[in-house]
Amino acid sequence: MTDPLAPLAQLSGVADAGEQAREALGRAHRHRTNLRGWPASAAEAALRAARASSVLDGGSLQLSDDGTAEPVLAGALRVAEALEGGATSLIGVWQRAPLQAIARLHALAAADLADEDHLGRPRADVEVSRRLSLLADIVTGGTRVAAPVLAAVVHGELLTLAPFGTADGVVARAVSRLVTITSGLDPHGLGVPEVYWMRQSGEYRAAARGFASGTPEGLTAWLVLSSRALHAGAREALSIAQATPGTSPQQREAGDAPK
């Protein structure tokens, strides 16, 4: 069978950007702090990812003074907790029934934003159903492209399709994170690409429109931006590891574990 995503991997600069992201995430995972202390790093990464993803969907960056979270942030935090450190239960669902995993993520993200009857239920639209079905086929063995490309495609498709009508951005970014975890690109979820997307929100939204256009230029821009965010997210992961209490100055300077 022809791989429907194979042409995307051949677009100019895509493979190189993906490889740079892979190398950067590898360095983050090899940092001395993360060899055994990765759960603490993963927890901080999940928190930063949730806050940034909330902002991108119009929510808050911080809890209120009384410690509560407004609806968008609350949903993003629930999603982050479900994915933190590569949570095995959701990974299992994703690998055997990706649409069920997406529905579960939406139920968490939109619990305070939508009626219960609409949680985890995509819009009743033939085109939405067709594209979600195609997406499920692709992630369950329908492609052999590198993980950075697959994560970008799944992210872009859910972001631009907006299948639920609420919390679609939070869900799309969470599914992208799920792909990087399950593929082994970022198995512990240490990277925080969401911070890059938040800081470059104008470029992020413009690139998403380019992805939706389907033009070679638009697709290239989105795929390269996604890998650039993964690379920046790896640097964020290193900063988390280097700030961990007990990390020595030598460890902070060295970054990587011995080869």
C-alpha atoms as a PDB file:
ATOM      1  CA  MET A   1       0.000   0.000   0.000  1.00  0.00           C
ATOM      2  CA  THR A   2       1.100   3.555  -0.710  1.00  0.00           C
ATOM      3  CA  ASP A   3       1.993   5.564   2.378  1.00  0.00           C
ATOM      4  CA  PRO A   4      -0.223   8.688   2.226  1.00  0.00           C
ATOM      5  CA  LEU A   5       2.218  10.744   4.313  1.00  0.00           C
ATOM      6  CA  ALA A   6       5.419   9.718   2.534  1.00  0.00           C
ATOM      7  CA  PRO A   7       5.422  12.768   0.203  1.00  0.00           C
ATOM      8  CA  LEU A   8       5.355  15.072   3.242  1.00  0.00           C
ATOM      9  CA  ALA A   9       8.594  13.629   4.557  1.00  0.00           C
ATOM     10  CA  GLN A  10      10.250  14.583   1.264  1.00  0.00           C
ATOM     11  CA  LEU A  11       9.373  18.274   1.480  1.00  0.00           C
ATOM     12  CA  SER A  12      12.345  20.612   1.724  1.00  0.00           C
ATOM     13  CA  GLY A  13      13.814  20.913   5.210  1.00  0.00           C
ATOM     14  CA  VAL A  14      11.303  18.578   6.873  1.00  0.00           C
ATOM     15  CA  ALA A  15      13.601  15.607   7.467  1.00  0.00           C
ATOM     16  CA  ASP A  16      16.459  17.761   8.746  1.00  0.00           C
ATOM     17  CA  ALA A  17      14.205  19.665  11.153  1.00  0.00           C
ATOM     18  CA  GLY A  18      12.775  16.411  12.461  1.00  0.00           C
ATOM     19  CA  GLU A  19      16.198  14.890  13.011  1.00  0.00           C
ATOM     20  CA  GLN A  20      17.362  17.970  14.912  1.00  0.00           C
ATOM     21  CA  ALA A  21      14.301  17.691  17.140  1.00  0.00           C
ATOM     22  CA  ARG A  22      14.997  13.999  17.740  1.00  0.00           C
ATOM     23  CA  GLU A  23      18.606  14.692  18.741  1.00  0.00           C
ATOM     24  CA  ALA A  24      17.575  17.499  21.083  1.00  0.00           C
ATOM     25  CA  LEU A  25      14.955  15.351  22.819  1.00  0.00           C
ATOM     26  CA  GLY A  26      17.525  12.569  23.167  1.00  0.00           C
ATOM     27  CA  ARG A  27      19.847  14.962  24.963  1.00  0.00           C
ATOM     28  CA  ALA A  28      17.046  15.920  27.341  1.00  0.00           C
ATOM     29  CA  HIS A  29      16.361  12.289  28.174  1.00  0.00           C
ATOM     30  CA  ARG A  30      20.052  11.576  28.718  1.00  0.00           C
ATOM     31  CA  HIS A  31      20.487  14.447  31.159  1.00  0.00           C
ATOM     32  CA  ARG A  32      21.737  13.055  34.481  1.00  0.00           C
ATOM     33  CA  THR A  33      18.695  14.352  36.324  1.00  0.00           C
ATOM     34  CA  ASN A  34      16.356  12.515  33.983  1.00  0.00           C
ATOM     35  CA  LEU A  35      18.049   9.124  34.132  1.00  0.00           C
ATOM     36  CA  ARG A  36      16.232   8.364  37.380  1.00  0.00           C
ATOM     37  CA  GLY A  37      14.459  11.564  38.302  1.00  0.00           C
ATOM     38  CA  TRP A  38      12.453  11.912  35.107  1.00  0.00           C
ATOM     39  CA  PRO A  39       9.031  11.635  36.844  1.00  0.00           C
ATOM     40  CA  ALA A  40       9.609  14.997  38.552  1.00  0.00           C
ATOM     41  CA  SER A  41      10.743  16.535  35.270  1.00  0.00           C
ATOM     42  CA  ALA A  42       7.744  15.061  33.469  1.00  0.00           C
ATOM     43  CA  ALA A  43       5.372  16.517  36.052  1.00  0.00           C
ATOM     44  CA  GLU A  44       6.813  20.002  35.584  1.00  0.00           C
ATOM     45  CA  ALA A  45       6.777  19.605  31.803  1.00  0.00           C
ATOM     46  CA  ALA A  46       3.115  18.579  31.906  1.00  0.00           C
ATOM     47  CA  LEU A  47       2.248  21.626  33.998  1.00  0.00           C
ATOM     48  CA  ARG A  48       4.047  24.015  31.645  1.00  0.00           C
ATOM     49  CA  ALA A  49       2.441  22.334  28.638  1.00  0.00           C
ATOM     50  CA  ALA A  50      -1.032  22.694  30.126  1.00  0.00           C
ATOM     51  CA  ARG A  51      -0.601  26.367  30.928  1.00  0.00           C
ATOM     52  CA  ALA A  52       0.726  27.202  27.472  1.00  0.00           C
ATOM     53  CA  SER A  53      -1.971  25.161  25.732  1.00  0.00           C
ATOM     54  CA  SER A  54      -4.624  26.934  27.791  1.00  0.00           C
ATOM     55  CA  VAL A  55      -3.383  30.336  26.685  1.00  0.00           C
ATOM     56  CA  LEU A  56      -3.476  29.273  23.033  1.00  0.00           C
ATOM     57  CA  ASP A  57      -7.161  28.413  23.430  1.00  0.00           C
ATOM     58  CA  GLY A  58      -7.935  31.717  25.143  1.00  0.00           C
ATOM     59  CA  GLY A  59      -7.624  30.476  28.701  1.00  0.00           C
ATOM     60  CA  SER A  60      -5.512  31.555  31.641  1.00  0.00           C
ATOM     61  CA  LEU A  61      -1.841  30.949  32.272  1.00  0.00           C
ATOM     62  CA  GLN A  62      -2.156  30.843  36.061  1.00  0.00           C
ATOM     63  CA  LEU A  63      -4.571  29.702  38.713  1.00  0.00           C
ATOM     64  CA  SER A  64      -6.655  32.403  40.343  1.00  0.00           C
ATOM     65  CA  ASP A  65      -5.709  33.893  43.701  1.00  0.00           C
ATOM     66  CA  ASP A  66      -7.904  31.361  45.472  1.00  0.00           C
ATOM     67  CA  GLY A  67      -6.173  28.469  43.710  1.00  0.00           C
ATOM     68  CA  THR A  68      -8.921  27.611  41.245  1.00  0.00           C
ATOM     69  CA  ALA A  69      -8.571  27.312  37.493  1.00  0.00           C
ATOM     70  CA  GLU A  70     -10.902  28.839  34.932  1.00  0.00           C
ATOM     71  CA  PRO A  71     -12.556  26.286  32.558  1.00  0.00           C
ATOM     72  CA  VAL A  72      -9.978  26.207  29.747  1.00  0.00           C
ATOM     73  CA  LEU A  73      -6.998  25.928  32.078  1.00  0.00           C
ATOM     74  CA  ALA A  74      -8.804  23.382  34.238  1.00  0.00           C
ATOM     75  CA  GLY A  75      -9.390  21.215  31.178  1.00  0.00           C
ATOM     76  CA  ALA A  76      -5.800  21.567  29.997  1.00  0.00           C
ATOM     77  CA  LEU A  77      -4.567  20.533  33.452  1.00  0.00           C
ATOM     78  CA  ARG A  78      -6.777  17.440  33.446  1.00  0.00           C
ATOM     79  CA  VAL A  79      -5.447  16.485  30.021  1.00  0.00           C
ATOM     80  CA  ALA A  80      -1.855  17.034  31.153  1.00  0.00           C
ATOM     81  CA  GLU A  81      -2.379  14.807  34.173  1.00  0.00           C
ATOM     82  CA  ALA A  82      -3.743  12.049  31.917  1.00  0.00           C
ATOM     83  CA  LEU A  83      -0.621  12.226  29.740  1.00  0.00           C
ATOM     84  CA  GLU A  84       1.975  12.927  32.412  1.00  0.00           C
ATOM     85  CA  GLY A  85       5.078  10.819  32.114  1.00  0.00           C
ATOM     86  CA  GLY A  86       3.559   8.653  29.389  1.00  0.00           C
ATOM     87  CA  ALA A  87       0.524   7.383  31.312  1.00  0.00           C
ATOM     88  CA  THR A  88       0.146   3.736  30.327  1.00  0.00           C
ATOM     89  CA  SER A  89      -3.663   3.541  30.357  1.00  0.00           C
ATOM     90  CA  LEU A  90      -4.183   6.262  27.759  1.00  0.00           C
ATOM     91  CA  ILE A  91      -1.280   4.981  25.660  1.00  0.00           C
ATOM     92  CA  GLY A  92      -2.940   1.578  25.485  1.00  0.00           C
ATOM     93  CA  VAL A  93      -6.207   3.098  24.336  1.00  0.00           C
ATOM     94  CA  TRP A  94      -4.405   5.222  21.733  1.00  0.00           C
ATOM     95  CA  GLN A  95      -2.587   2.246  20.261  1.00  0.00           C
ATOM     96  CA  ARG A  96      -5.683   0.091  19.836  1.00  0.00           C
ATOM     97  CA  ALA A  97      -8.463   2.673  19.416  1.00  0.00           C
ATOM     98  CA  PRO A  98      -7.135   6.187  18.697  1.00  0.00           C
ATOM     99  CA  LEU A  99     -10.546   7.774  18.212  1.00  0.00           C
ATOM    100  CA  GLN A 100     -11.553   6.553  21.659  1.00  0.00           C
ATOM    101  CA  ALA A 101      -8.432   8.150  23.117  1.00  0.00           C
ATOM    102  CA  ILE A 102      -9.209  11.432  21.352  1.00  0.00           C
ATOM    103  CA  ALA A 103     -12.756  11.311  22.708  1.00  0.00           C
ATOM    104  CA  ARG A 104     -11.432  10.720  26.222  1.00  0.00           C
ATOM    105  CA  LEU A 105      -9.077  13.680  25.925  1.00  0.00           C
ATOM    106  CA  HIS A 106     -11.939  15.888  24.801  1.00  0.00           C
ATOM    107  CA  ALA A 107     -14.081  14.774  27.729  1.00  0.00           C
ATOM    108  CA  LEU A 108     -11.285  15.894  30.041  1.00  0.00           C
ATOM    109  CA  ALA A 109     -10.529  19.140  28.211  1.00  0.00           C
ATOM    110  CA  ALA A 110     -14.115  20.307  27.780  1.00  0.00           C
ATOM    111  CA  ALA A 111     -15.706  19.081  31.010  1.00  0.00           C
ATOM    112  CA  ASP A 112     -16.380  22.671  32.104  1.00  0.00           C
ATOM    113  CA  LEU A 113     -17.056  24.013  28.616  1.00  0.00           C
ATOM    114  CA  ALA A 114     -19.648  21.712  27.034  1.00  0.00           C
ATOM    115  CA  ASP A 115     -22.771  19.831  28.006  1.00  0.00           C
ATOM    116  CA  GLU A 116     -22.179  16.275  29.140  1.00  0.00           C
ATOM    117  CA  ASP A 117     -23.961  14.937  26.052  1.00  0.00           C
ATOM    118  CA  HIS A 118     -21.340  16.609  23.837  1.00  0.00           C
ATOM    119  CA  LEU A 119     -18.236  15.474  25.690  1.00  0.00           C
ATOM    120  CA  GLY A 120     -16.126  13.207  23.516  1.00  0.00           C
ATOM    121  CA  ARG A 121     -18.640  13.363  20.679  1.00  0.00           C
ATOM    122  CA  PRO A 122     -17.460  14.847  17.372  1.00  0.00           C
ATOM    123  CA  ARG A 123     -19.805  17.029  15.379  1.00  0.00           C
ATOM    124  CA  ALA A 124     -22.349  15.067  13.332  1.00  0.00           C
ATOM    125  CA  ASP A 125     -20.781  15.834   9.983  1.00  0.00           C
ATOM    126  CA  VAL A 126     -19.909  13.409   7.196  1.00  0.00           C
ATOM    127  CA  GLU A 127     -16.619  15.149   6.408  1.00  0.00           C
ATOM    128  CA  VAL A 128     -15.569  15.181  10.064  1.00  0.00           C
ATOM    129  CA  SER A 129     -16.322  11.462  10.375  1.00  0.00           C
ATOM    130  CA  ARG A 130     -14.439  10.655   7.173  1.00  0.00           C
ATOM    131  CA  ARG A 131     -11.334  12.567   8.155  1.00  0.00           C
ATOM    132  CA  LEU A 132     -11.272  11.182  11.692  1.00  0.00           C
ATOM    133  CA  SER A 133     -11.569   7.670  10.297  1.00  0.00           C
ATOM    134  CA  LEU A 134      -8.683   8.339   7.922  1.00  0.00           C
ATOM    135  CA  LEU A 135      -6.634   9.727  10.797  1.00  0.00           C
ATOM    136  CA  ALA A 136      -7.259   6.577  12.825  1.00  0.00           C
ATOM    137  CA  ASP A 137      -6.149   4.414   9.909  1.00  0.00           C
ATOM    138  CA  ILE A 138      -2.940   6.407   9.535  1.00  0.00           C
ATOM    139  CA  VAL A 139      -1.885   6.238  13.185  1.00  0.00           C
ATOM    140  CA  THR A 140      -2.644   2.519  13.490  1.00  0.00           C
ATOM    141  CA  GLY A 141      -0.151   1.420  10.878  1.00  0.00           C
ATOM    142  CA  GLY A 142      -1.097   3.383   7.791  1.00  0.00           C
ATOM    143  CA  THR A 143       2.193   5.263   7.625  1.00  0.00           C
ATOM    144  CA  ARG A 144       5.880   4.768   8.327  1.00  0.00           C
ATOM    145  CA  VAL A 145       6.957   8.406   8.381  1.00  0.00           C
ATOM    146  CA  ALA A 146       9.170   9.675  11.190  1.00  0.00           C
ATOM    147  CA  ALA A 147       7.484  10.588  14.461  1.00  0.00           C
ATOM    148  CA  PRO A 148       7.969  14.373  14.095  1.00  0.00           C
ATOM    149  CA  VAL A 149       6.059  14.289  10.804  1.00  0.00           C
ATOM    150  CA  LEU A 150       3.265  12.111  12.191  1.00  0.00           C
ATOM    151  CA  ALA A 151       2.898  14.281  15.296  1.00  0.00           C
ATOM    152  CA  ALA A 152       2.680  17.393  13.128  1.00  0.00           C
ATOM    153  CA  VAL A 153       0.080  15.887  10.792  1.00  0.00           C
ATOM    154  CA  VAL A 154      -2.166  14.647  13.609  1.00  0.00           C
ATOM    155  CA  HIS A 155      -1.844  17.984  15.384  1.00  0.00           C
ATOM    156  CA  GLY A 156      -2.584  20.007  12.265  1.00  0.00           C
ATOM    157  CA  GLU A 157      -5.508  17.852  11.208  1.00  0.00           C
ATOM    158  CA  LEU A 158      -7.280  18.007  14.575  1.00  0.00           C
ATOM    159  CA  LEU A 159      -6.508  21.695  14.995  1.00  0.00           C
ATOM    160  CA  THR A 160      -7.925  22.719  11.622  1.00  0.00           C
ATOM    161  CA  LEU A 161     -10.767  20.179  11.524  1.00  0.00           C
ATOM    162  CA  ALA A 162     -11.981  21.230  15.010  1.00  0.00           C
ATOM    163  CA  PRO A 163     -14.116  18.100  15.309  1.00  0.00           C
ATOM    164  CA  PHE A 164     -15.722  18.928  18.639  1.00  0.00           C
ATOM    165  CA  GLY A 165     -16.312  22.664  18.530  1.00  0.00           C
ATOM    166  CA  THR A 166     -14.868  23.161  22.028  1.00  0.00           C
ATOM    167  CA  ALA A 167     -11.338  22.682  23.380  1.00  0.00           C
ATOM    168  CA  ASP A 168     -10.162  21.475  19.964  1.00  0.00           C
ATOM    169  CA  GLY A 169      -6.774  23.175  20.308  1.00  0.00           C
ATOM    170  CA  VAL A 170      -6.071  21.644  23.698  1.00  0.00           C
ATOM    171  CA  VAL A 171      -7.031  18.231  22.313  1.00  0.00           C
ATOM    172  CA  ALA A 172      -4.931  18.633  19.153  1.00  0.00           C
ATOM    173  CA  ARG A 173      -1.809  19.575  21.100  1.00  0.00           C
ATOM    174  CA  ALA A 174      -2.412  16.753  23.576  1.00  0.00           C
ATOM    175  CA  VAL A 175      -2.700  14.209  20.767  1.00  0.00           C
ATOM    176  CA  SER A 176       0.513  15.531  19.245  1.00  0.00           C
ATOM    177  CA  ARG A 177       2.169  14.957  22.625  1.00  0.00           C
ATOM    178  CA  LEU A 178       0.633  11.481  22.739  1.00  0.00           C
ATOM    179  CA  VAL A 179       2.208  10.652  19.369  1.00  0.00           C
ATOM    180  CA  THR A 180       5.655  11.770  20.525  1.00  0.00           C
ATOM    181  CA  ILE A 181       5.307   9.637  23.659  1.00  0.00           C
ATOM    182  CA  THR A 182       3.999   6.452  22.039  1.00  0.00           C
ATOM    183  CA  SER A 183       6.440   6.638  19.133  1.00  0.00           C
ATOM    184  CA  GLY A 184       9.429   6.765  21.482  1.00  0.00           C
ATOM    185  CA  LEU A 185      10.452  10.211  20.287  1.00  0.00           C
ATOM    186  CA  ASP A 186       9.763  11.607  23.772  1.00  0.00           C
ATOM    187  CA  PRO A 187       8.745   8.538  25.798  1.00  0.00           C
ATOM    188  CA  HIS A 188       8.505  10.295  29.176  1.00  0.00           C
ATOM    189  CA  GLY A 189       6.861  13.460  27.864  1.00  0.00           C
ATOM    190  CA  LEU A 190       9.738  15.702  28.932  1.00  0.00           C
ATOM    191  CA  GLY A 191       9.546  18.136  26.022  1.00  0.00           C
ATOM    192  CA  VAL A 192       7.346  21.235  26.127  1.00  0.00           C
ATOM    193  CA  PRO A 193       6.707  22.379  22.539  1.00  0.00           C
ATOM    194  CA  GLU A 194       3.550  24.106  23.735  1.00  0.00           C
ATOM    195  CA  VAL A 195       5.624  26.922  25.231  1.00  0.00           C
ATOM    196  CA  TYR A 196       7.160  27.651  21.830  1.00  0.00           C
ATOM    197  CA  TRP A 197       3.744  27.628  20.160  1.00  0.00           C
ATOM    198  CA  MET A 198       2.409  29.998  22.810  1.00  0.00           C
ATOM    199  CA  ARG A 199       5.320  32.412  22.399  1.00  0.00           C
ATOM    200  CA  GLN A 200       5.033  32.255  18.613  1.00  0.00           C
ATOM    201  CA  SER A 201       1.245  32.166  18.534  1.00  0.00           C
ATOM    202  CA  GLY A 202       0.920  34.339  15.424  1.00  0.00           C
ATOM    203  CA  GLU A 203       3.284  32.137  13.441  1.00  0.00           C
ATOM    204  CA  TYR A 204       1.593  29.048  14.893  1.00  0.00           C
ATOM    205  CA  ARG A 205      -1.850  30.084  13.690  1.00  0.00           C
ATOM    206  CA  ALA A 206      -0.551  31.213  10.296  1.00  0.00           C
ATOM    207  CA  ALA A 207       1.222  27.883   9.821  1.00  0.00           C
ATOM    208  CA  ALA A 208      -1.949  26.005  10.803  1.00  0.00           C
ATOM    209  CA  ARG A 209      -3.808  27.874   8.072  1.00  0.00           C
ATOM    210  CA  GLY A 210      -1.029  26.878   5.695  1.00  0.00           C
ATOM    211  CA  PHE A 211      -1.465  23.243   6.691  1.00  0.00           C
ATOM    212  CA  ALA A 212      -5.200  23.493   6.078  1.00  0.00           C
ATOM    213  CA  SER A 213      -4.552  24.932   2.611  1.00  0.00           C
ATOM    214  CA  GLY A 214      -2.807  21.729   1.566  1.00  0.00           C
ATOM    215  CA  THR A 215      -0.270  23.560  -0.588  1.00  0.00           C
ATOM    216  CA  PRO A 216       3.343  22.331  -0.573  1.00  0.00           C
ATOM    217  CA  GLU A 217       4.456  25.660   0.884  1.00  0.00           C
ATOM    218  CA  GLY A 218       1.814  25.579   3.599  1.00  0.00           C
ATOM    219  CA  LEU A 219       2.491  21.979   4.526  1.00  0.00           C
ATOM    220  CA  THR A 220       6.238  22.571   4.633  1.00  0.00           C
ATOM    221  CA  ALA A 221       5.876  25.596   6.890  1.00  0.00           C
ATOM    222  CA  TRP A 222       3.687  23.655   9.340  1.00  0.00           C
ATOM    223  CA  LEU A 223       5.896  20.568   9.446  1.00  0.00           C
ATOM    224  CA  VAL A 224       9.087  22.567   9.943  1.00  0.00           C
ATOM    225  CA  LEU A 225       7.456  24.757  12.607  1.00  0.00           C
ATOM    226  CA  SER A 226       6.288  21.663  14.461  1.00  0.00           C
ATOM    227  CA  SER A 227       9.801  20.201  14.540  1.00  0.00           C
ATOM    228  CA  ARG A 228      11.207  23.572  15.541  1.00  0.00           C
ATOM    229  CA  ALA A 229       8.766  23.571  18.465  1.00  0.00           C
ATOM    230  CA  LEU A 230       9.857  20.065  19.465  1.00  0.00           C
ATOM    231  CA  HIS A 231      13.464  21.267  19.406  1.00  0.00           C
ATOM    232  CA  ALA A 232      12.598  24.293  21.549  1.00  0.00           C
ATOM    233  CA  GLY A 233      10.559  22.028  23.814  1.00  0.00           C
ATOM    234  CA  ALA A 234      13.639  19.899  24.331  1.00  0.00           C
ATOM    235  CA  ARG A 235      15.562  22.976  25.451  1.00  0.00           C
ATOM    236  CA  GLU A 236      12.719  23.682  27.873  1.00  0.00           C
ATOM    237  CA  ALA A 237      13.103  20.118  29.148  1.00  0.00           C
ATOM    238  CA  LEU A 238      16.806  20.680  29.759  1.00  0.00           C
ATOM    239  CA  SER A 239      16.050  23.871  31.668  1.00  0.00           C
ATOM    240  CA  ILE A 240      13.653  21.910  33.874  1.00  0.00           C
ATOM    241  CA  ALA A 241      16.272  19.240  34.548  1.00  0.00           C
ATOM    242  CA  GLN A 242      18.967  21.819  35.271  1.00  0.00           C
ATOM    243  CA  ALA A 243      16.712  23.614  37.739  1.00  0.00           C
ATOM    244  CA  THR A 244      15.933  20.450  39.684  1.00  0.00           C
ATOM    245  CA  PRO A 245      17.102  20.667  43.315  1.00  0.00           C
ATOM    246  CA  GLY A 246      20.222  18.591  43.844  1.00  0.00           C
ATOM    247  CA  THR A 247      21.596  19.078  40.346  1.00  0.00           C
ATOM    248  CA  SER A 248      25.219  20.135  40.661  1.00  0.00           C
ATOM    249  CA  PRO A 249      26.785  22.989  38.654  1.00  0.00           C
ATOM    250  CA  GLN A 250      28.822  20.387  36.786  1.00  0.00           C
ATOM    251  CA  GLN A 251      25.664  18.495  35.859  1.00  0.00           C
ATOM    252  CA  ARG A 252      23.954  21.688  34.745  1.00  0.00           C
ATOM    253  CA  GLU A 253      26.912  22.518  32.553  1.00  0.00           C
ATOM    254  CA  ALA A 254      27.324  19.019  31.150  1.00  0.00           C
ATOM    255  CA  GLY A 255      23.660  18.458  30.413  1.00  0.00           C
ATOM    256  CA  ASP A 256      24.076  15.021  28.806  1.00  0.00           C
ATOM    257  CA  ALA A 257      24.916  11.856  30.595  1.00  0.00           C
ATOM    258  CA  PRO A 258      28.153  10.165  29.626  1.00  0.00           C
ATOM    259  CA  LYS A 259      27.894   8.305  26.333  1.00  0.00           C
END
